[in-house]
Structure formats: structure tokens, C-alpha cells
């Protein structure tokens, strides 16, 4: 197997796009920069306080209320509209299966998360994975 080491890759036809040949001649063109997560966090609640277990592009984390957190980005997003994904995990009996995560984008520099159980009651999940894809400012 060969190893390619480089400091930069640049597409010849389109900026930020490269062609990837994946075995048996299958060719795919992808925008590498656009496909990368710009912010992610593994948020944990310890003694009802949020803790940043691990993250990328997160400068700070606020505990706004039960089940409500604000994630502040180190580098702001390009606007308030971008793709967000979250997955809560809870070990409590009221939050094991049906959970809803809401998002209220106040600005490009932060995202507010709300976690409710199947009874529409706010609760702090044991942990919460949150990811944003989009363009940075």
C-alpha cells in the first residue's frame, strides 16, 4: 500500500472539489470543505450541570435551564441557517426512548438546544451529541 502525504489538495475543475476514485473505477466528485462538520460536541450532564466531554469549534457552554443549553462557537457560522443533528442519551426512566431536541438559532455564533421527553417535559439527558454542517463565516 502507498502513502500520500501532502499539505494541500486542490481541485483542478472546481474550487474545494476533488475527484475521488474508489476502487473498480468508481468515480465520485465531492466538496471536501462543505462535507466536514464545522461544530460538534459530546455534552454530558454531571450533577445537573453541562460538561463539554469533547468538542470541535466550541468556545463555551451555558446551562440555561433544565433541558436547555447554549453552545457558543469559537468560529461563527456564515449565517443562521445550517444543518444540525443531535442525539440524546438518557439513563432515566422518563427519557429512554422518545426524545425531542429543539434548536433556536439566536445568531451565527451560537445554537440553543432544548431536550424534552415523551411527556413534553424538559429534562437533562445523560449525554447529548450535537453536530453542525454548513459554512463558516
Protein backbone atom coordinates (compact mmCIF):
# COMPACT_ATOMS: atom_id res chain seq x y z
CA UNK A 1 0.00 0.00 0.00
CA UNK A 2 1.22 3.52 -0.81
CA UNK A 3 1.05 6.53 1.46
CA UNK A 4 0.39 10.03 0.13
CA UNK A 5 1.49 12.91 2.32
CA UNK A 6 0.70 16.48 1.41
CA UNK A 7 -0.09 19.84 2.95
CA UNK A 8 -2.70 20.79 0.36
CA UNK A 9 -5.07 19.29 -2.18
CA UNK A 10 -6.73 21.50 -4.75
CA UNK A 11 -9.29 20.53 -7.36
CA UNK A 12 -8.47 21.32 -10.97
CA UNK A 13 -12.04 21.96 -12.16
CA UNK A 14 -13.89 23.42 -9.19
CA UNK A 15 -12.67 25.16 -6.09
CA UNK A 16 -12.86 22.94 -2.98
CA UNK A 17 -13.90 19.89 -5.02
CA UNK A 18 -11.76 16.87 -5.82
CA UNK A 19 -12.46 13.66 -7.69
CA UNK A 20 -12.10 10.51 -5.66
CA UNK A 21 -11.63 7.18 -7.43
CA UNK A 22 -12.83 4.44 -5.08
CA UNK A 23 -11.79 1.04 -6.39
CA UNK A 24 -13.00 -0.63 -9.60
CA UNK A 25 -13.08 2.74 -11.38
CA UNK A 26 -15.96 4.21 -9.36
CA UNK A 27 -15.56 7.99 -9.55
CA UNK A 28 -17.14 10.47 -7.15
CA UNK A 29 -16.69 14.23 -7.03
CA UNK A 30 -17.14 15.71 -3.59
CA UNK A 31 -16.81 19.12 -1.97
CA UNK A 32 -14.46 18.23 0.85
CA UNK A 33 -14.77 21.54 2.74
CA UNK A 34 -18.58 21.55 2.62
CA UNK A 35 -18.80 17.97 3.85
CA UNK A 36 -16.86 18.47 7.07
CA UNK A 37 -18.53 19.08 10.43
CA UNK A 38 -17.92 22.68 11.50
CA UNK A 39 -19.01 22.24 15.12
CA UNK A 40 -19.57 19.13 17.22
CA UNK A 41 -19.87 18.43 20.91
CA UNK A 42 -20.42 15.48 23.19
CA UNK A 43 -22.27 17.27 26.00
CA UNK A 44 -22.68 15.48 29.32
CA UNK A 45 -24.74 16.42 32.32
CA UNK A 46 -22.97 15.82 35.60
CA UNK A 47 -24.86 16.71 38.80
CA UNK A 48 -27.33 18.61 36.55
CA UNK A 49 -24.57 20.82 35.10
CA UNK A 50 -23.48 20.55 31.44
CA UNK A 51 -19.92 19.41 30.78
CA UNK A 52 -18.07 19.52 27.44
CA UNK A 53 -16.92 15.88 27.13
CA UNK A 54 -15.14 16.61 23.85
CA UNK A 55 -15.78 19.08 21.05
CA UNK A 56 -14.66 20.99 17.97
CA UNK A 57 -15.26 24.73 17.46
CA UNK A 58 -16.96 25.17 20.86
CA UNK A 59 -15.76 28.10 22.97
CA UNK A 60 -18.20 27.72 25.86
CA UNK A 61 -21.37 26.05 27.02
CA UNK A 62 -24.26 27.57 29.01
CA UNK A 63 -26.80 25.81 31.21
CA UNK A 64 -29.89 27.95 30.57
CA UNK A 65 -32.43 25.77 32.42
CA UNK A 66 -33.42 22.12 32.79
CA UNK A 67 -33.03 20.58 29.33
CA UNK A 68 -31.87 23.85 27.75
CA UNK A 69 -28.27 24.56 26.73
CA UNK A 70 -26.46 27.12 24.60
CA UNK A 71 -23.40 26.06 22.60
CA UNK A 72 -21.15 29.01 21.64
CA UNK A 73 -18.97 28.57 18.54
CA UNK A 74 -15.30 29.53 18.57
CA UNK A 75 -15.62 30.48 14.89
CA UNK A 76 -19.07 31.71 13.83
CA UNK A 77 -21.11 30.10 11.10
CA UNK A 78 -21.64 32.00 7.85
CA UNK A 79 -25.30 32.62 8.73
CA UNK A 80 -28.10 31.37 10.95
CA UNK A 81 -29.25 28.63 8.56
CA UNK A 82 -27.25 25.39 8.55
CA UNK A 83 -27.76 21.66 9.06
CA UNK A 84 -27.94 20.46 12.66
CA UNK A 85 -28.12 16.95 14.09
CA UNK A 86 -28.45 15.89 17.72
CA UNK A 87 -28.86 12.59 19.51
CA UNK A 88 -29.64 12.50 23.24
CA UNK A 89 -28.90 9.56 25.51
CA UNK A 90 -30.53 9.19 28.89
CA UNK A 91 -30.44 6.64 31.67
CA UNK A 92 -33.59 7.97 33.34
CA UNK A 93 -36.89 6.13 33.09
CA UNK A 94 -38.65 9.15 31.55
CA UNK A 95 -36.14 9.76 28.80
CA UNK A 96 -35.13 6.38 27.45
CA UNK A 97 -36.99 6.22 24.16
CA UNK A 98 -38.87 9.22 22.78
CA UNK A 99 -36.91 12.44 22.94
CA UNK A 100 -37.15 15.66 21.01
CA UNK A 101 -34.31 18.08 20.53
CA UNK A 102 -35.26 21.60 19.54
CA UNK A 103 -33.00 24.26 18.09
CA UNK A 104 -33.33 28.00 18.43
CA UNK A 105 -30.62 29.76 16.48
CA UNK A 106 -30.13 33.18 18.00
CA UNK A 107 -27.15 34.07 15.83
CA UNK A 108 -24.40 32.54 13.75
CA UNK A 109 -22.21 32.41 16.86
CA UNK A 110 -24.34 30.05 18.97
CA UNK A 111 -27.01 27.35 18.95
CA UNK A 112 -29.57 26.74 21.67
CA UNK A 113 -30.62 23.15 22.36
CA UNK A 114 -33.79 22.02 24.15
CA UNK A 115 -34.35 18.43 25.29
CA UNK A 116 -37.83 17.13 26.20
CA UNK A 117 -39.13 13.64 26.98
CA UNK A 118 -42.21 11.85 25.60
CA UNK A 119 -44.43 13.82 28.01
CA UNK A 120 -43.05 17.10 26.59
CA UNK A 121 -41.28 17.81 29.89
CA UNK A 122 -37.81 19.36 29.83
CA UNK A 123 -35.05 17.11 31.13
CA UNK A 124 -31.27 16.94 31.16
CA UNK A 125 -30.12 13.93 29.13
CA UNK A 126 -27.17 11.90 30.41
CA UNK A 127 -25.30 12.94 27.27
CA UNK A 128 -26.08 14.71 24.03
CA UNK A 129 -24.22 14.52 20.73
CA UNK A 130 -24.65 17.62 18.56
CA UNK A 131 -23.18 18.37 15.12
CA UNK A 132 -23.43 21.31 12.69
CA UNK A 133 -22.63 21.23 8.99
CA UNK A 134 -22.52 24.46 6.98
CA UNK A 135 -20.23 27.30 6.01
CA UNK A 136 -18.10 29.20 8.48
CA UNK A 137 -18.05 32.98 8.32
